[in-house]
Amino acid sequence: MVYFIDDLDAKMDQVITAIDDEIGDSNWTAWKNALQTRLYRKRVE
């Protein structure tokens, strides 16, 4: 169980970093190979 929690924590850190570091005004990030996806980054208020 600790493995899965650690893996989830690492992936969430990658997601947060990818969204925060993305430049430009697009609602989507560039392709993130480590996550095998693009991320939707529009902030919901």
N, C-alpha and C. Protein backbone atom coordinates (compact mmCIF):
# COMPACT_ATOMS: atom_id res chain seq x y z
N MET A 1 0.81 -1.18 0.00
CA MET A 1 0.00 0.00 0.00
C MET A 1 0.87 1.26 0.00
N VAL A 2 1.96 1.22 0.71
CA VAL A 2 2.87 2.36 0.75
C VAL A 2 3.41 2.66 -0.64
N TYR A 3 3.67 1.63 -1.42
CA TYR A 3 4.15 1.81 -2.80
C TYR A 3 3.16 2.64 -3.61
N PHE A 4 1.88 2.30 -3.54
CA PHE A 4 0.86 2.99 -4.33
C PHE A 4 0.68 4.44 -3.88
N ILE A 5 0.75 4.67 -2.59
CA ILE A 5 0.65 6.04 -2.08
C ILE A 5 1.85 6.86 -2.54
N ASP A 6 3.03 6.29 -2.49
CA ASP A 6 4.24 6.98 -2.95
C ASP A 6 4.17 7.26 -4.45
N ASP A 7 3.69 6.31 -5.22
CA ASP A 7 3.56 6.48 -6.66
C ASP A 7 2.56 7.58 -6.99
N LEU A 8 1.44 7.61 -6.30
CA LEU A 8 0.43 8.65 -6.50
C LEU A 8 1.01 10.02 -6.14
N ASP A 9 1.74 10.11 -5.05
CA ASP A 9 2.36 11.37 -4.64
C ASP A 9 3.34 11.86 -5.70
N ALA A 10 4.14 10.97 -6.25
CA ALA A 10 5.10 11.35 -7.29
C ALA A 10 4.39 11.84 -8.55
N LYS A 11 3.33 11.16 -8.94
CA LYS A 11 2.59 11.58 -10.14
C LYS A 11 1.88 12.91 -9.92
N MET A 12 1.32 13.13 -8.75
CA MET A 12 0.67 14.41 -8.46
C MET A 12 1.70 15.55 -8.48
N ASP A 13 2.88 15.29 -7.99
CA ASP A 13 3.95 16.30 -8.04
C ASP A 13 4.31 16.61 -9.49
N GLN A 14 4.37 15.60 -10.34
CA GLN A 14 4.66 15.81 -11.77
C GLN A 14 3.57 16.63 -12.42
N VAL A 15 2.32 16.37 -12.08
CA VAL A 15 1.19 17.10 -12.65
C VAL A 15 1.24 18.57 -12.23
N ILE A 16 1.43 18.81 -10.95
CA ILE A 16 1.48 20.19 -10.45
C ILE A 16 2.63 20.95 -11.08
N THR A 17 3.80 20.34 -11.16
CA THR A 17 4.96 20.99 -11.76
C THR A 17 4.73 21.26 -13.24
N ALA A 18 4.17 20.32 -13.95
CA ALA A 18 3.93 20.48 -15.39
C ALA A 18 2.95 21.62 -15.65
N ILE A 19 1.91 21.71 -14.86
CA ILE A 19 0.92 22.77 -15.04
C ILE A 19 1.50 24.13 -14.67
N ASP A 20 2.22 24.21 -13.58
CA ASP A 20 2.79 25.49 -13.13
C ASP A 20 3.90 25.99 -14.05
N ASP A 21 4.67 25.09 -14.64
CA ASP A 21 5.81 25.48 -15.47
C ASP A 21 5.46 25.73 -16.93
N GLU A 22 4.25 25.40 -17.32
CA GLU A 22 3.84 25.56 -18.72
C GLU A 22 3.72 27.05 -19.06
N ILE A 23 4.30 27.42 -20.19
CA ILE A 23 4.18 28.80 -20.64
C ILE A 23 3.14 28.87 -21.75
N GLY A 24 2.58 30.04 -21.95
CA GLY A 24 1.57 30.21 -22.98
C GLY A 24 0.18 30.26 -22.38
N ASP A 25 -0.79 30.51 -23.25
CA ASP A 25 -2.16 30.67 -22.80
C ASP A 25 -3.05 29.48 -23.13
N SER A 26 -2.50 28.42 -23.63
CA SER A 26 -3.30 27.25 -23.99
C SER A 26 -3.90 26.61 -22.74
N ASN A 27 -5.08 26.02 -22.90
CA ASN A 27 -5.70 25.30 -21.79
C ASN A 27 -5.07 23.93 -21.57
N TRP A 28 -4.21 23.50 -22.48
CA TRP A 28 -3.57 22.19 -22.38
C TRP A 28 -2.06 22.34 -22.32
N THR A 29 -1.40 21.48 -21.59
CA THR A 29 0.06 21.47 -21.57
C THR A 29 0.56 20.74 -22.81
N ALA A 30 1.86 20.82 -23.00
CA ALA A 30 2.49 20.00 -24.04
C ALA A 30 2.42 18.54 -23.57
N TRP A 31 2.74 17.63 -24.47
CA TRP A 31 2.73 16.20 -24.14
C TRP A 31 3.75 15.91 -23.04
N LYS A 32 3.31 15.23 -22.00
CA LYS A 32 4.18 14.84 -20.89
C LYS A 32 4.43 13.35 -21.00
N ASN A 33 5.62 13.01 -21.48
CA ASN A 33 5.94 11.61 -21.76
C ASN A 33 5.89 10.74 -20.50
N ALA A 34 6.33 11.28 -19.38
CA ALA A 34 6.32 10.48 -18.14
C ALA A 34 4.91 10.09 -17.73
N LEU A 35 3.94 10.95 -18.04
CA LEU A 35 2.55 10.68 -17.69
C LEU A 35 1.75 10.12 -18.87
N GLN A 36 2.34 10.13 -20.05
CA GLN A 36 1.71 9.63 -21.28
C GLN A 36 0.41 10.37 -21.60
N THR A 37 0.42 11.69 -21.42
CA THR A 37 -0.78 12.48 -21.69
C THR A 37 -0.47 13.96 -21.73
N ARG A 38 -1.43 14.73 -22.20
CA ARG A 38 -1.42 16.17 -22.04
C ARG A 38 -2.34 16.48 -20.88
N LEU A 39 -2.11 17.59 -20.20
CA LEU A 39 -2.89 17.91 -19.01
C LEU A 39 -3.74 19.14 -19.26
N TYR A 40 -4.98 19.09 -18.82
CA TYR A 40 -5.87 20.24 -18.90
C TYR A 40 -5.51 21.16 -17.75
N ARG A 41 -5.25 22.44 -18.06
CA ARG A 41 -4.73 23.32 -17.02
C ARG A 41 -5.56 24.56 -16.78
N LYS A 42 -6.76 24.63 -17.29
CA LYS A 42 -7.59 25.79 -17.03
C LYS A 42 -8.04 25.77 -15.57
N ARG A 43 -7.85 26.88 -14.90
CA ARG A 43 -8.23 26.95 -13.48
C ARG A 43 -9.72 27.21 -13.36
N VAL A 44 -10.36 26.44 -12.52
CA VAL A 44 -11.79 26.59 -12.28
C VAL A 44 -11.95 27.45 -11.03
N GLU A 45 -12.74 28.49 -11.18
CA GLU A 45 -12.93 29.39 -10.03
C GLU A 45 -14.34 29.34 -9.55
